[in-house]
Amino acid sequence: MKELWAKFRTVCFSIQSKIAFYPSLFAIIGFFLAFVMIYAENRGISAYLMENTPTLVVNNGNTALTILSACITGLISMMVFSFSMVMVLLNQASTNYSPRLLPGLISNKKHQVILGIYLATILYCIFIAISIQPDGESYQIPGFSVLIGIIFTVICMGAFIYFIHTISQSIQINHILDGIYESAKNRLSFLIKDPADTTKDFPDSKNWPEYYTEKSGYFQHLNLKNLKAVCDNEEISIRILPVKGEFVLKGNPLFRASKKLDEKTLKELQDTIVFSRGELVSRNYALAFKQITEIIVKAMSPGVNDPGTALNGLDYLTELFSMRMLKNDSSIHITDKGNRIKENVLDFKELMYNVMASLRTYCKEDITLVQKLGLMFQYLKNRESIDPGFYNVINDEAKTLIFDAFEEITNPKDQELLKELSEKLNLNN
């Protein structure tokens, strides 16, 4: 039962990033609510209200149908407009910033919930309208259900105003950068506090049996609860080989186990490793570095030429690097029975190199951005680090940046600024 529940949670997590998830969920709620209200009408709720508070009940069939028809027509128009605005947002983000931003924008719960409210109200009004019969002496118009539909429509109007507000913010680059930063910050804060990032003892796994992937996809996350249970049941330790966020091809090495596994155990272990075709910052903080780097690179491309956005992106990168310096380059989980599960982690050196390799290519000719990067290095060298070796990585990347900048920037005044920057960073040129 626990395994089925864990699998259900994994499936729910994988579909939460789909734009149709919350709208579909709310549509089902609206559908069932309509039948609940029809049942309540058959039990005489409108007749009771007519006797006690007649002003709350629409007691004319034609009027009720006219009101519901107007609500349905207006809500469909609002929903179409809202979906169009979402598509415009996604298109602009992909064109102006980076296609990697799309999964995060699509999974925006606010927009999904608003579209879901529209859809639920439309379905509710449709089924209530269908339930209205011609007037008759013995027939009571479902006036209270119509009132509920009117209230839901008013709520949709408020949601529409809020949607316009949020969509106008979502298109702004500062809002996008802040969203990426907050997601990565929350994930890094969680990992820094996780005991798995402070444990370093793990046996040599070079000669352990190696097992391979059965399908291709991005390695998204581990279902640790189930994985620990399998390791304890089989008395084994596991080393996960790919780095989280890496695209793993079918047949590539996936993990090593401390002993040979049977088919059943192998299947249980593979079910705890979740693959997907998309990536989210909330599960992989390294993706935030990629996204912000790509925004900076796109801003500095000749077609866009927006150094202001690049400078903003560097501010967020500086904050994230300072947080990453508080996290170990290892992640080892210990089960209840003392078995170990080791995840491969993108180390600080490789992370900074990947970021700086792209930034140097597009920023080394701009003295303003080189100075900003120099301030980033200066700030990081003065920050607390869990590993003294991180300072050497920062120093090496700073030297490489200054070297490339001297090669590209020939203006004597700008070169004087580079020399001053080199001195501030205590670089031995």
Protein backbone atom coordinates (compact mmCIF):
# COMPACT_ATOMS: atom_id res chain seq x y z
CA MET A 1 0.00 0.00 0.00
CA LYS A 2 2.82 2.39 0.88
CA GLU A 3 4.55 1.66 -2.44
CA LEU A 4 1.35 2.36 -4.38
CA TRP A 5 0.88 5.62 -2.50
CA ALA A 6 4.48 6.64 -3.24
CA LYS A 7 3.99 5.85 -6.93
CA PHE A 8 0.78 7.86 -6.93
CA ARG A 9 2.62 10.84 -5.42
CA THR A 10 5.35 10.51 -8.05
CA VAL A 11 2.77 10.52 -10.86
CA CYS A 12 1.02 13.54 -9.31
CA PHE A 13 4.31 15.43 -9.14
CA SER A 14 5.13 14.68 -12.77
CA ILE A 15 1.76 15.97 -14.04
CA GLN A 16 1.63 19.07 -11.81
CA SER A 17 3.93 20.88 -14.22
CA LYS A 18 1.42 20.38 -17.07
CA ILE A 19 -0.66 23.43 -17.96
CA ALA A 20 -3.86 21.34 -18.07
CA PHE A 21 -3.49 19.82 -14.58
CA TYR A 22 -5.34 22.35 -12.39
CA PRO A 23 -7.89 23.33 -15.08
CA SER A 24 -8.82 19.63 -15.44
CA LEU A 25 -9.04 19.21 -11.67
CA PHE A 26 -11.30 22.24 -11.26
CA ALA A 27 -13.42 21.12 -14.24
CA ILE A 28 -14.13 17.82 -12.48
CA ILE A 29 -15.06 19.72 -9.29
CA GLY A 30 -17.43 21.98 -11.24
CA PHE A 31 -19.01 18.96 -12.95
CA PHE A 32 -19.72 17.13 -9.68
CA LEU A 33 -20.85 20.32 -7.93
CA ALA A 34 -23.51 20.77 -10.60
CA PHE A 35 -24.93 17.32 -9.89
CA VAL A 36 -24.76 17.92 -6.14
CA MET A 37 -26.82 21.09 -6.62
CA ILE A 38 -29.27 19.25 -8.89
CA TYR A 39 -29.70 16.65 -6.15
CA ALA A 40 -30.21 19.45 -3.58
CA GLU A 41 -32.83 21.03 -5.85
CA ASN A 42 -34.68 17.73 -6.04
CA ARG A 43 -34.68 17.72 -2.24
CA GLY A 44 -36.44 21.10 -2.25
CA ILE A 45 -33.72 23.62 -1.38
CA SER A 46 -35.10 26.30 -3.74
CA ALA A 47 -38.67 25.74 -2.51
CA TYR A 48 -37.49 26.21 1.06
CA LEU A 49 -35.64 29.42 0.17
CA MET A 50 -38.68 30.73 -1.74
CA GLU A 51 -40.68 30.51 1.45
CA ASN A 52 -38.04 32.16 3.66
CA THR A 53 -35.80 34.40 1.45
CA PRO A 54 -37.48 34.74 -1.96
CA THR A 55 -35.10 37.49 -3.06
CA LEU A 56 -32.28 34.92 -3.32
CA VAL A 57 -34.13 32.72 -5.79
CA VAL A 58 -34.71 33.22 -9.54
CA ASN A 59 -38.19 31.79 -10.03
CA ASN A 60 -38.65 32.27 -13.76
CA GLY A 61 -37.38 29.68 -16.22
CA ASN A 62 -36.74 32.05 -19.10
CA THR A 63 -34.92 34.49 -16.84
CA ALA A 64 -32.78 31.71 -15.39
CA LEU A 65 -31.82 30.41 -18.84
CA THR A 66 -31.02 33.92 -20.07
CA ILE A 67 -28.76 34.58 -17.07
CA LEU A 68 -26.94 31.25 -17.38
CA SER A 69 -26.52 31.67 -21.16
CA ALA A 70 -25.01 35.12 -20.65
CA CYS A 71 -22.65 33.75 -17.98
CA ILE A 72 -21.53 30.86 -20.17
CA THR A 73 -20.94 33.09 -23.22
CA GLY A 74 -19.02 35.70 -21.25
CA LEU A 75 -16.90 33.14 -19.42
CA ILE A 76 -15.93 31.34 -22.64
CA SER A 77 -14.79 34.67 -24.08
CA MET A 78 -12.75 35.43 -20.94
CA MET A 79 -11.21 31.94 -20.95
CA VAL A 80 -10.19 32.21 -24.61
CA PHE A 81 -8.63 35.62 -23.96
CA SER A 82 -6.80 34.30 -20.88
CA PHE A 83 -5.42 31.28 -22.75
CA SER A 84 -4.29 33.61 -25.55
CA MET A 85 -2.46 35.80 -23.02
CA VAL A 86 -0.70 32.75 -21.58
CA MET A 87 0.43 31.73 -25.06
CA VAL A 88 1.72 35.27 -25.72
CA LEU A 89 3.66 35.14 -22.43
CA LEU A 90 5.24 31.79 -23.33
CA ASN A 91 6.11 32.94 -26.84
CA GLN A 92 7.71 36.18 -25.63
CA ALA A 93 9.67 34.42 -22.88
CA SER A 94 10.96 31.84 -25.36
CA THR A 95 11.88 34.47 -27.97
CA ASN A 96 13.36 37.19 -25.76
CA TYR A 97 14.87 35.23 -22.88
CA SER A 98 15.27 31.44 -23.05
CA PRO A 99 13.18 28.37 -24.03
CA ARG A 100 14.30 26.79 -20.74
CA LEU A 101 11.96 29.17 -18.92
CA LEU A 102 8.84 27.59 -20.43
CA PRO A 103 8.42 24.64 -17.99
CA GLY A 104 8.57 27.01 -15.03
CA LEU A 105 6.09 29.44 -16.58
CA ILE A 106 3.73 26.67 -17.66
CA SER A 107 3.72 25.25 -14.13
CA ASN A 108 2.67 28.63 -12.67
CA LYS A 109 -0.13 27.53 -10.34
CA LYS A 110 -1.81 30.95 -10.24
CA HIS A 111 -2.56 30.92 -13.96
CA GLN A 112 -3.63 27.28 -13.90
CA VAL A 113 -6.00 27.84 -10.97
CA ILE A 114 -7.60 30.89 -12.63
CA LEU A 115 -8.19 28.98 -15.87
CA GLY A 116 -9.56 26.12 -13.76
CA ILE A 117 -12.05 28.45 -12.04
CA TYR A 118 -13.30 29.58 -15.47
CA LEU A 119 -13.70 26.02 -16.71
CA ALA A 120 -15.41 24.80 -13.52
CA THR A 121 -17.93 27.67 -13.62
CA ILE A 122 -18.69 27.11 -17.31
CA LEU A 123 -19.38 23.40 -16.79
CA TYR A 124 -21.45 24.13 -13.69
CA CYS A 125 -23.62 26.68 -15.55
CA ILE A 126 -24.05 24.37 -18.55
CA PHE A 127 -25.36 21.44 -16.49
CA ILE A 128 -27.59 23.65 -14.35
CA ALA A 129 -29.03 25.15 -17.55
CA ILE A 130 -29.70 21.67 -18.91
CA SER A 131 -31.54 20.74 -15.72
CA ILE A 132 -34.05 23.63 -16.09
CA GLN A 133 -37.40 22.38 -17.37
CA PRO A 134 -40.36 24.35 -18.80
CA ASP A 135 -42.42 26.17 -16.21
CA GLY A 136 -45.20 24.23 -14.58
CA GLU A 137 -47.36 24.39 -11.52
CA SER A 138 -45.64 21.44 -9.84
CA TYR A 139 -42.12 22.31 -10.98
CA GLN A 140 -39.75 24.49 -8.97
CA ILE A 141 -37.09 26.40 -10.95
CA PRO A 142 -33.57 25.66 -9.54
CA GLY A 143 -33.25 29.30 -8.55
CA PHE A 144 -30.69 28.75 -5.81
CA SER A 145 -28.40 26.86 -8.21
CA VAL A 146 -28.71 29.77 -10.65
CA LEU A 147 -27.74 32.15 -7.83
CA ILE A 148 -24.66 30.02 -7.12
CA GLY A 149 -23.78 30.23 -10.82
CA ILE A 150 -24.06 34.03 -10.71
CA ILE A 151 -21.80 34.15 -7.63
CA PHE A 152 -19.24 31.93 -9.37
CA THR A 153 -19.35 34.22 -12.41
CA VAL A 154 -18.64 37.25 -10.22
CA ILE A 155 -15.70 35.33 -8.69
CA CYS A 156 -14.46 34.65 -12.23
CA MET A 157 -14.55 38.37 -12.98
CA GLY A 158 -12.40 39.04 -9.93
CA ALA A 159 -10.07 36.21 -10.99
CA PHE A 160 -9.85 37.76 -14.46
CA ILE A 161 -8.75 41.11 -13.03
CA TYR A 162 -6.16 39.33 -10.90
CA PHE A 163 -5.06 37.36 -13.97
CA ILE A 164 -4.44 40.57 -15.94
CA HIS A 165 -2.36 41.85 -13.02
CA THR A 166 -0.24 38.70 -12.71
CA ILE A 167 0.24 38.23 -16.46
CA SER A 168 1.52 41.80 -16.78
CA GLN A 169 4.04 41.05 -14.03
CA SER A 170 5.01 37.63 -15.34
CA ILE A 171 6.23 39.09 -18.62
CA GLN A 172 8.75 41.35 -16.85
CA ILE A 173 12.30 40.02 -16.74
CA ASN A 174 12.83 41.11 -13.13
CA HIS A 175 9.83 39.04 -12.08
CA ILE A 176 11.09 36.04 -14.05
CA LEU A 177 14.58 36.31 -12.56
CA ASP A 178 13.16 36.69 -9.07
CA GLY A 179 10.99 33.59 -9.52
CA ILE A 180 13.95 31.51 -10.68
CA TYR A 181 16.07 32.82 -7.81
CA GLU A 182 13.44 32.09 -5.14
CA SER A 183 12.90 28.51 -6.38
CA ALA A 184 16.66 27.83 -6.42
CA LYS A 185 17.13 29.53 -3.04
CA ASN A 186 14.46 27.35 -1.43
CA ARG A 187 15.96 24.20 -2.92
CA LEU A 188 19.50 25.11 -1.86
CA SER A 189 18.34 26.01 1.66
CA PHE A 190 16.71 22.60 1.93
CA LEU A 191 19.84 20.78 0.71
CA ILE A 192 22.19 22.77 2.96
CA LYS A 193 20.19 21.68 6.02
CA ASP A 194 19.94 18.08 4.79
CA PRO A 195 22.26 15.72 6.76
CA ALA A 196 22.99 13.92 3.47
CA ASP A 197 25.16 16.86 2.43
CA THR A 198 27.39 16.58 5.50
CA THR A 199 28.02 12.82 5.36
CA LYS A 200 31.16 11.81 3.45
CA ASP A 201 31.75 8.17 4.40
CA PHE A 202 30.93 5.84 1.49
CA PRO A 203 32.61 2.54 0.51
CA ASP A 204 34.57 2.09 -2.72
CA SER A 205 32.08 1.15 -5.43
CA LYS A 206 34.37 0.63 -8.43
CA ASN A 207 33.88 -3.16 -8.47
CA TRP A 208 30.16 -3.16 -7.69
CA PRO A 209 27.69 -4.61 -10.25
CA GLU A 210 26.46 -1.89 -12.60
CA TYR A 211 22.88 -1.53 -13.84
CA TYR A 212 21.54 0.44 -16.80
CA THR A 213 18.59 2.63 -17.72
CA GLU A 214 15.59 1.14 -19.48
CA LYS A 215 14.36 4.45 -20.94
CA SER A 216 15.74 7.84 -21.89
CA GLY A 217 14.90 11.07 -20.08
CA TYR A 218 16.04 13.73 -17.66
CA PHE A 219 16.98 12.30 -14.28
CA GLN A 220 14.61 14.42 -12.19
CA HIS A 221 14.65 13.10 -8.62
CA LEU A 222 14.74 10.07 -6.34
CA ASN A 223 11.85 8.68 -4.34
CA LEU A 224 14.10 8.42 -1.30
CA LYS A 225 11.52 6.92 1.04
CA ASN A 226 10.94 3.93 -1.23
CA LEU A 227 14.62 3.70 -2.18
CA LYS A 228 15.69 3.51 1.46
CA ALA A 229 13.05 0.83 2.11
CA VAL A 230 14.34 -1.33 -0.77
CA CYS A 231 17.95 -0.90 0.37
CA ASP A 232 17.05 -1.96 3.91
CA ASN A 233 15.00 -4.95 2.73
CA GLU A 234 17.85 -6.20 0.54
CA GLU A 235 20.70 -5.02 2.82
CA ILE A 236 22.42 -3.14 0.01
CA SER A 237 24.04 0.24 -0.61
CA ILE A 238 23.48 2.16 -3.85
CA ARG A 239 25.50 4.69 -5.83
CA ILE A 240 23.49 6.75 -8.34
CA LEU A 241 25.72 7.53 -11.34
CA PRO A 242 24.05 10.35 -13.36
CA VAL A 243 23.85 13.88 -11.98
CA LYS A 244 20.36 15.21 -11.28
CA GLY A 245 19.11 17.12 -14.30
CA GLU A 246 21.32 15.15 -16.70
CA PHE A 247 19.71 13.61 -19.79
CA VAL A 248 20.31 9.86 -19.53
CA LEU A 249 20.12 7.78 -22.70
CA LYS A 250 18.64 4.30 -22.71
CA GLY A 251 21.30 1.71 -21.90
CA ASN A 252 23.61 4.14 -20.06
CA PRO A 253 24.85 3.25 -16.54
CA LEU A 254 22.24 4.24 -13.94
CA PHE A 255 23.50 2.95 -10.59
CA ARG A 256 25.79 0.50 -8.85
CA ALA A 257 24.71 -1.84 -6.06
CA SER A 258 26.82 -3.46 -3.37
CA LYS A 259 25.62 -6.92 -4.49
CA LYS A 260 24.00 -8.59 -7.47
CA LEU A 261 20.25 -7.95 -7.68
CA ASP A 262 17.40 -10.14 -8.86
CA GLU A 263 14.85 -8.89 -11.41
CA LYS A 264 12.23 -7.99 -8.81
CA THR A 265 14.60 -5.88 -6.71
CA LEU A 266 16.04 -4.24 -9.82
CA LYS A 267 12.53 -3.25 -10.95
CA GLU A 268 11.74 -1.82 -7.49
CA LEU A 269 14.91 0.26 -7.54
CA GLN A 270 14.31 1.57 -11.05
CA ASP A 271 10.78 2.62 -10.07
CA THR A 272 12.23 4.89 -7.37
CA ILE A 273 14.30 6.85 -9.92
CA VAL A 274 12.05 9.35 -11.66
CA PHE A 275 12.70 10.45 -15.25
CA SER A 276 10.87 13.13 -17.21
CA ARG A 277 11.12 15.09 -20.45
CA GLY A 278 11.19 18.44 -18.65
CA GLU A 279 13.12 20.12 -15.84
CA LEU A 280 12.01 22.27 -12.92
CA VAL A 281 14.15 24.52 -10.72
CA SER A 282 12.20 23.42 -7.65
CA ARG A 283 13.78 19.97 -7.98
CA ASN A 284 17.16 20.88 -9.49
CA TYR A 285 18.80 24.11 -8.35
CA ALA A 286 21.53 23.80 -11.02
CA LEU A 287 18.89 24.53 -13.65
CA ALA A 288 18.54 28.04 -12.16
CA PHE A 289 22.19 28.74 -12.97
CA LYS A 290 21.61 27.54 -16.54
CA GLN A 291 18.48 29.62 -17.00
CA ILE A 292 19.94 32.84 -15.60
CA THR A 293 23.12 32.32 -17.63
CA GLU A 294 21.10 31.86 -20.82
CA ILE A 295 19.09 35.02 -20.06
CA ILE A 296 22.37 36.96 -19.67
CA VAL A 297 23.81 35.47 -22.86
CA LYS A 298 20.61 36.23 -24.80
CA ALA A 299 20.62 39.80 -23.44
CA MET A 300 24.20 40.31 -24.65
CA SER A 301 23.60 38.85 -28.10
CA PRO A 302 23.81 41.39 -30.97
CA GLY A 303 20.13 40.97 -31.79
CA VAL A 304 18.97 41.96 -28.28
CA ASN A 305 21.85 44.03 -26.83
CA ASP A 306 20.36 44.57 -23.35
CA PRO A 307 23.23 44.97 -20.84
CA GLY A 308 20.82 46.13 -18.12
CA THR A 309 19.16 42.70 -18.03
CA ALA A 310 22.60 41.05 -18.03
CA LEU A 311 23.66 43.11 -15.01
CA ASN A 312 20.48 42.13 -13.16
CA GLY A 313 21.11 38.47 -13.95
CA LEU A 314 24.65 38.70 -12.55
CA ASP A 315 23.25 40.00 -9.25
CA TYR A 316 21.08 36.90 -8.90
CA LEU A 317 23.95 34.60 -9.93
CA THR A 318 26.14 36.15 -7.24
CA GLU A 319 23.57 35.39 -4.56
CA LEU A 320 23.09 31.81 -5.75
CA PHE A 321 26.85 31.15 -5.91
CA SER A 322 27.25 32.45 -2.36
CA MET A 323 24.58 29.97 -1.21
CA ARG A 324 26.15 27.14 -3.22
CA MET A 325 29.42 27.71 -1.33
CA LEU A 326 27.62 26.51 1.82
CA LYS A 327 26.79 23.13 0.25
CA ASN A 328 29.09 20.12 0.01
CA ASP A 329 30.00 18.47 -3.27
CA SER A 330 28.68 15.16 -1.95
CA SER A 331 25.26 13.82 -0.99
CA ILE A 332 25.06 10.54 0.95
CA HIS A 333 21.78 9.36 2.49
CA ILE A 334 21.85 6.88 5.38
CA THR A 335 18.94 4.44 5.78
CA ASP A 336 17.42 3.26 9.07
CA LYS A 337 19.64 0.14 9.02
CA GLY A 338 22.84 2.02 8.16
CA ASN A 339 22.92 1.33 4.42
CA ARG A 340 24.05 4.19 2.19
CA ILE A 341 22.73 5.86 -0.95
CA LYS A 342 25.14 8.19 -2.74
CA GLU A 343 23.96 10.73 -5.31
CA ASN A 344 26.33 12.26 -7.83
CA VAL A 345 26.32 16.03 -7.35
CA LEU A 346 27.34 18.72 -9.82
CA ASP A 347 30.43 20.00 -8.00
CA PHE A 348 31.16 23.67 -7.46
CA LYS A 349 34.08 23.74 -9.87
CA GLU A 350 32.11 22.30 -12.78
CA LEU A 351 29.10 24.49 -12.01
CA MET A 352 31.13 27.70 -12.02
CA TYR A 353 33.06 26.67 -15.14
CA ASN A 354 29.83 25.93 -17.04
CA VAL A 355 28.46 29.34 -16.12
CA MET A 356 31.64 31.31 -16.76
CA ALA A 357 32.46 29.54 -20.04
CA SER A 358 29.25 30.98 -21.52
CA LEU A 359 29.56 34.38 -19.88
CA ARG A 360 33.18 34.89 -20.96
CA THR A 361 32.23 34.31 -24.58
CA TYR A 362 29.62 37.07 -24.64
CA CYS A 363 30.73 39.42 -21.86
CA LYS A 364 34.52 39.63 -22.19
CA GLU A 365 34.31 42.53 -24.66
CA ASP A 366 32.09 44.65 -22.39
CA ILE A 367 34.09 46.42 -19.68
CA THR A 368 30.94 47.10 -17.62
CA LEU A 369 30.05 43.42 -17.40
CA VAL A 370 33.66 42.40 -16.78
CA GLN A 371 33.72 44.80 -13.83
CA LYS A 372 30.43 43.36 -12.58
CA LEU A 373 31.84 39.84 -12.79
CA GLY A 374 34.93 41.05 -10.96
CA LEU A 375 32.73 42.39 -8.15
CA MET A 376 30.99 39.01 -8.05
CA PHE A 377 34.32 37.22 -7.60
CA GLN A 378 35.41 39.73 -4.97
CA TYR A 379 32.17 39.23 -3.07
CA LEU A 380 32.41 35.42 -3.23
CA LYS A 381 36.02 35.41 -2.02
CA ASN A 382 34.87 37.20 1.13
CA ARG A 383 31.93 34.89 1.80
CA GLU A 384 31.84 31.88 4.08
CA SER A 385 32.53 28.54 2.37
CA ILE A 386 32.08 24.97 3.55
CA ASP A 387 35.11 23.92 1.47
CA PRO A 388 38.31 26.04 1.27
CA GLY A 389 38.91 24.62 -2.21
CA PHE A 390 36.01 26.69 -3.52
CA TYR A 391 38.13 29.83 -3.14
CA ASN A 392 40.74 28.35 -5.51
CA VAL A 393 37.99 27.71 -8.07
CA ILE A 394 36.86 31.34 -7.81
CA ASN A 395 40.42 32.58 -8.15
CA ASP A 396 41.05 30.44 -11.26
CA GLU A 397 37.87 31.62 -12.97
CA ALA A 398 38.70 35.26 -12.14
CA LYS A 399 42.16 34.87 -13.70
CA THR A 400 40.67 33.34 -16.86
CA LEU A 401 38.14 36.15 -17.17
CA ILE A 402 40.76 38.90 -16.77
CA PHE A 403 43.04 37.14 -19.28
CA ASP A 404 40.29 36.95 -21.91
CA ALA A 405 39.23 40.53 -21.23
CA PHE A 406 42.80 41.81 -21.77
CA GLU A 407 42.85 39.96 -25.11
CA GLU A 408 39.58 41.54 -26.32
CA ILE A 409 39.57 45.02 -24.75
CA THR A 410 42.25 47.22 -26.34
CA ASN A 411 41.23 50.66 -25.12
CA PRO A 412 44.04 51.93 -22.78
CA LYS A 413 41.62 53.42 -20.27
CA ASP A 414 39.61 50.23 -20.09
CA GLN A 415 42.81 48.23 -19.67
CA GLU A 416 43.73 50.42 -16.69
CA LEU A 417 40.39 49.49 -15.15
CA LEU A 418 41.15 45.83 -15.76
CA LYS A 419 44.51 46.18 -14.02
CA GLU A 420 42.83 47.81 -11.02
CA LEU A 421 40.27 45.02 -10.95
CA SER A 422 43.04 42.41 -11.07
CA GLU A 423 44.75 44.07 -8.12
CA LYS A 424 41.53 44.14 -6.10
CA LEU A 425 41.09 40.42 -6.71
CA ASN A 426 44.75 39.73 -5.73
CA LEU A 427 45.43 37.92 -8.99
CA ASN A 428 48.98 37.06 -10.02
CA ASN A 429 49.08 37.87 -13.73
